[in-house]
Protein backbone atom coordinates (compact mmCIF):
# COMPACT_ATOMS: atom_id res chain seq x y z
CA UNK A 1 70.57 93.51 163.38
CA UNK A 2 66.77 93.54 163.85
CA UNK A 3 66.42 90.49 166.29
CA UNK A 4 69.74 90.97 168.25
CA UNK A 5 69.75 88.67 171.41
CA UNK A 6 66.31 87.72 171.02
CA UNK A 7 65.45 83.88 171.52
CA UNK A 8 62.85 82.43 169.17
CA UNK A 9 60.95 78.87 169.03
CA UNK A 10 60.21 78.15 165.38
CA UNK A 11 58.02 74.98 165.16
CA UNK A 12 58.26 72.92 161.93
CA UNK A 13 61.69 74.38 161.05
CA UNK A 14 63.40 71.36 159.73
CA UNK A 15 62.03 72.31 156.30
CA UNK A 16 60.16 74.62 154.28
CA UNK A 17 58.93 77.93 155.56
CA UNK A 18 59.76 77.19 159.24
CA UNK A 19 63.37 76.33 158.21
CA UNK A 20 63.64 79.82 156.07
CA UNK A 21 62.18 81.75 158.96
CA UNK A 22 64.72 80.22 161.55
CA UNK A 23 67.77 80.72 159.38
CA UNK A 24 66.66 84.31 158.73
CA UNK A 25 66.20 85.11 162.46
CA UNK A 26 69.70 83.93 163.18
CA UNK A 27 70.79 86.10 160.42
CA UNK A 28 69.32 88.99 162.23
CA UNK A 29 70.81 88.06 165.56
CA UNK A 30 68.56 85.79 167.31
CA UNK A 31 68.99 82.22 168.80
CA UNK A 32 66.52 79.78 167.76
CA UNK A 33 64.93 76.50 168.76
CA UNK A 34 64.74 74.34 165.72
CA UNK A 35 61.76 71.78 165.90
CA UNK A 36 60.26 69.21 163.43
CA UNK A 37 60.10 65.51 162.92
CA UNK A 38 63.16 65.06 160.83
CA UNK A 39 66.26 64.58 162.92
CA UNK A 40 68.79 64.43 160.30
CA UNK A 41 67.51 67.57 158.59
CA UNK A 42 67.39 69.34 162.05
CA UNK A 43 70.83 68.38 162.80
CA UNK A 44 72.18 69.68 159.49
CA UNK A 45 70.61 72.99 160.16
CA UNK A 46 71.91 73.37 163.54
CA UNK A 47 75.48 72.37 162.31
CA UNK A 48 75.19 75.16 159.67
CA UNK A 49 73.87 77.61 162.09
CA UNK A 50 76.15 76.71 165.02
CA UNK A 51 75.45 75.29 168.46
CA UNK A 52 75.81 78.82 170.04
CA UNK A 53 72.93 79.95 168.16
CA UNK A 54 70.60 77.11 167.62
CA UNK A 55 69.29 73.97 169.45
CA UNK A 56 67.25 71.00 168.15
CA UNK A 57 64.07 69.44 169.53
CA UNK A 58 62.53 66.64 167.70
CA UNK A 59 59.11 65.61 168.85
CA UNK A 60 55.61 65.47 167.31
CA UNK A 61 54.00 68.77 168.08
CA UNK A 62 50.94 67.04 169.31
CA UNK A 63 52.71 64.88 171.99
CA UNK A 64 51.61 65.59 175.48
CA UNK A 65 54.80 66.98 176.32
CA UNK A 66 55.86 68.83 173.33
CA UNK A 67 54.94 72.24 173.88
CA UNK A 68 56.45 72.49 177.40
CA UNK A 69 59.68 70.73 176.23
CA UNK A 70 59.96 73.40 173.65
CA UNK A 71 59.71 76.10 176.09
CA UNK A 72 61.93 74.38 178.65
CA UNK A 73 64.46 73.97 175.82
CA UNK A 74 64.64 77.46 175.05
CA UNK A 75 64.97 78.52 178.71
CA UNK A 76 67.55 75.71 179.49
CA UNK A 77 69.81 76.66 176.63
CA UNK A 78 69.40 80.51 176.15
CA UNK A 79 67.82 81.67 179.33
CA UNK A 80 64.77 83.39 178.16
CA UNK A 81 62.09 83.50 175.41
CA UNK A 82 61.10 86.33 173.29
CA UNK A 83 58.99 85.08 170.59
CA UNK A 84 57.41 81.84 169.16
CA UNK A 85 56.56 81.20 165.51
CA UNK A 86 53.62 78.65 165.19
CA UNK A 87 54.65 77.24 161.88
CA UNK A 88 54.27 73.48 162.16
CA UNK A 89 51.27 72.23 160.04
CA UNK A 90 49.72 69.38 158.20
CA UNK A 91 48.99 70.23 154.82
CA UNK A 92 46.85 67.59 153.62
CA UNK A 93 44.26 67.17 150.83
CA UNK A 94 40.56 66.15 151.65
CA UNK A 95 37.07 67.05 150.73
CA UNK A 96 33.52 66.52 152.18
CA UNK A 97 33.58 62.96 151.10
CA UNK A 98 37.02 62.03 152.45
CA UNK A 99 36.88 63.99 155.81
CA UNK A 100 35.33 62.22 158.75
CA UNK A 101 35.39 63.15 162.32
CA UNK A 102 38.69 61.52 163.44
CA UNK A 103 40.53 63.12 160.44
CA UNK A 104 38.95 66.55 160.85
CA UNK A 105 40.12 66.25 164.61
CA UNK A 106 43.61 65.28 163.76
CA UNK A 107 44.12 68.13 161.41
CA UNK A 108 42.73 70.68 163.85
CA UNK A 109 44.88 69.35 166.70
CA UNK A 110 48.09 69.76 164.74
CA UNK A 111 47.23 73.18 162.97
CA UNK A 112 45.13 74.82 165.64
CA UNK A 113 45.20 73.43 169.05
CA UNK A 114 48.95 72.69 169.17
CA UNK A 115 49.77 76.34 168.46
CA UNK A 116 47.08 77.36 171.18
CA UNK A 117 48.85 75.07 173.65
CA UNK A 118 52.31 76.52 172.74
CA UNK A 119 51.06 80.08 173.30
CA UNK A 120 49.83 79.07 176.74
CA UNK A 121 53.07 77.15 177.67
CA UNK A 122 55.12 80.25 176.58
CA UNK A 123 53.16 83.06 177.78
CA UNK A 124 54.80 83.53 181.29
CA UNK A 125 57.96 83.74 179.50
CA UNK A 126 56.87 86.06 176.77
CA UNK A 127 55.10 88.30 179.46
CA UNK A 128 58.66 88.86 181.02
CA UNK A 129 60.11 90.08 177.59
CA UNK A 130 57.11 91.93 176.20
CA UNK A 131 57.32 89.14 173.44
CA UNK A 132 55.90 88.28 170.28
CA UNK A 133 53.70 85.66 168.71
CA UNK A 134 53.62 84.89 165.08
CA UNK A 135 51.26 82.28 163.72
CA UNK A 136 51.83 81.10 160.08
CA UNK A 137 48.22 80.60 158.55
CA UNK A 138 47.27 80.37 155.00
CA UNK A 139 45.05 82.40 152.45
CA UNK A 140 42.94 79.25 152.57
CA UNK A 141 41.69 80.64 156.00
CA UNK A 142 39.17 82.57 154.06
CA UNK A 143 37.37 79.98 152.05
CA UNK A 144 39.82 77.28 151.04
CA UNK A 145 40.43 75.35 147.98
CA UNK A 146 38.17 72.38 146.86
CA UNK A 147 40.44 69.74 147.92
CA UNK A 148 41.80 71.33 151.04
CA UNK A 149 38.58 71.33 153.34
CA UNK A 150 40.04 70.16 156.69
CA UNK A 151 43.17 72.13 156.25
CA UNK A 152 41.20 75.25 155.46
CA UNK A 153 39.07 74.89 158.38
CA UNK A 154 41.89 74.42 160.67
CA UNK A 155 43.70 77.77 159.26
CA UNK A 156 40.26 79.69 159.61
CA UNK A 157 40.31 78.81 163.37
CA UNK A 158 43.79 79.82 163.69
CA UNK A 159 43.12 83.14 162.12
CA UNK A 160 40.25 83.81 164.60
CA UNK A 161 42.42 82.83 167.40
CA UNK A 162 45.14 85.23 166.35
CA UNK A 163 42.48 88.05 166.28
CA UNK A 164 41.30 87.26 169.62
CA UNK A 165 44.56 86.74 171.32
CA UNK A 166 46.03 89.64 169.59
CA UNK A 167 43.66 91.75 171.59
CA UNK A 168 43.63 90.12 174.98
CA UNK A 169 47.15 89.13 175.30
CA UNK A 170 48.46 92.48 174.25
CA UNK A 171 46.21 94.18 176.85
CA UNK A 172 46.85 91.92 179.65
CA UNK A 173 50.29 90.73 179.07
CA UNK A 174 51.98 93.08 176.74
CA UNK A 175 52.47 90.24 174.24
CA UNK A 176 51.54 90.89 170.76
CA UNK A 177 50.04 88.20 168.45
CA UNK A 178 50.03 88.50 164.66
CA UNK A 179 49.78 86.22 161.58
CA UNK A 180 51.07 85.81 158.18
CA UNK A 181 48.81 84.04 155.69
CA UNK A 182 51.02 82.74 152.78
CA UNK A 183 49.80 81.94 149.36
CA UNK A 184 51.21 79.29 147.48
CA UNK A 185 54.89 78.64 148.50
CA UNK A 186 57.48 76.49 146.98
CA UNK A 187 58.57 74.27 149.72
CA UNK A 188 60.09 70.84 149.36
CA UNK A 189 56.96 69.27 150.65
CA UNK A 190 54.73 71.09 148.15
CA UNK A 191 57.20 70.18 145.16
CA UNK A 192 56.75 66.54 146.32
CA UNK A 193 53.05 66.74 146.84
CA UNK A 194 52.31 67.91 143.39
CA UNK A 195 54.59 65.24 141.87
CA UNK A 196 52.46 62.70 143.77
CA UNK A 197 49.30 64.45 142.31
CA UNK A 198 50.66 63.52 138.80
CA UNK A 199 52.70 66.65 137.88
CA UNK A 200 55.97 66.41 136.00
CA UNK A 201 59.14 66.86 137.93
CA UNK A 202 59.68 70.62 136.96
CA UNK A 203 55.93 71.60 137.28
CA UNK A 204 56.87 74.83 139.02
CA UNK A 205 59.01 76.16 136.17
CA UNK A 206 56.09 76.73 133.71
CA UNK A 207 52.93 77.74 135.69
CA UNK A 208 49.85 79.15 134.31
CA UNK A 209 50.02 83.13 134.77
CA UNK A 210 46.37 82.92 136.24
CA UNK A 211 47.95 81.01 139.12
CA UNK A 212 51.39 82.74 139.17
CA UNK A 213 51.27 86.13 137.67
CA UNK A 214 54.80 86.87 138.35
CA UNK A 215 55.82 83.58 136.36
CA UNK A 216 56.54 81.66 139.74
CA UNK A 217 55.05 80.95 143.18
CA UNK A 218 56.24 82.36 146.36
CA UNK A 219 59.74 81.22 147.96
CA UNK A 220 60.11 80.48 151.70
CA UNK A 221 62.78 83.21 151.92
CA UNK A 222 60.05 85.78 150.97
CA UNK A 223 57.83 84.63 153.75
CA UNK A 224 60.81 84.61 156.12
CA UNK A 225 61.64 88.13 155.29
CA UNK A 226 58.28 89.34 156.16
CA UNK A 227 58.33 87.32 159.46
CA UNK A 228 61.27 89.24 160.84
CA UNK A 229 59.00 92.59 160.92
CA UNK A 230 56.40 90.87 163.25
CA UNK A 231 59.29 89.37 165.38
CA UNK A 232 61.18 92.61 165.81
CA UNK A 233 60.56 95.67 167.95
CA UNK A 234 59.61 97.42 164.76
CA UNK A 235 56.11 96.11 165.42
CA UNK A 236 56.10 96.58 169.09
CA UNK A 237 52.86 98.50 168.94
CA UNK A 238 50.92 96.34 166.58
CA UNK A 239 48.80 93.26 167.41
CA UNK A 240 46.04 91.12 166.23
CA UNK A 241 46.85 91.68 162.57
CA UNK A 242 46.68 89.20 159.77
CA UNK A 243 48.80 89.91 156.71
CA UNK A 244 48.21 88.13 153.38
CA UNK A 245 51.22 87.43 151.27
CA UNK A 246 50.14 86.22 147.90
CA UNK A 247 50.31 87.34 144.16
CA UNK A 248 46.72 88.21 143.92
CA UNK A 249 43.56 88.46 146.01
CA UNK A 250 42.52 84.92 147.21
CA UNK A 251 39.11 85.80 147.38
CA UNK A 252 36.86 85.61 144.24
CA UNK A 253 39.42 83.21 142.84
CA UNK A 254 38.28 79.71 142.14
CA UNK A 255 41.26 77.20 141.92
CA UNK A 256 41.01 74.56 139.51
CA UNK A 257 40.09 71.08 140.69
CA UNK A 258 42.25 69.39 138.23
CA UNK A 259 46.01 69.85 139.33
CA UNK A 260 47.14 69.48 135.73
CA UNK A 261 45.73 72.74 134.71
CA UNK A 262 48.05 74.80 136.90
CA UNK A 263 51.01 74.52 134.33
CA UNK A 264 51.57 74.92 130.70
CA UNK A 265 52.32 71.84 128.93
């Protein structure tokens, strides 16, 4: 097992990519702190994993006590901390007209500042274990989609933070920092979001091949499989790296403004 006896915090892990990463970590021998806002979903995950391998912490990641509480939960229940996965994020549509200062600050607080604060809170413990930090970003960090302005800004900032801390923390603390930038992933939230935008119930089954050359979009399990490398000792000499996981180069592609054009009617 590639993560045998490691203790890992995965934020935003009651659903989607975070859930898939947490489940894969346990499969590879780790103990995990499950985090999110959906208590019933989180309890179901812990029940499936087992109380000896998982503990649940329900709290808004931007709450003043949240990041320290997550670290304390890991230490109290498992005695140490080997890695954190900054996955929790607010994926929300906006453009120049709909993005005001308060809205932009909120998105950045969730998607960029909270991960930074969790890194700070976890660092003393990660230093002891020569641990790992994995940030889950987005290919939108490079330029973004027309209707994901605030989200794209926050992910661009997260990527810069990964590059910066990937150097400084590795040199000074022996803690490596890396990032995965997923492309379009078929999470429960994304299925719901696209339905709310007017797409049919099964929109993801008949996608335009310009959008999805493989005939489908990425699965959370595929992101989770990639995450294991960055959390394991296999990457113990690698830091400050950002890996895009997508079906085609994001740069140079101009996503359609009309959501209805992403699938074949």
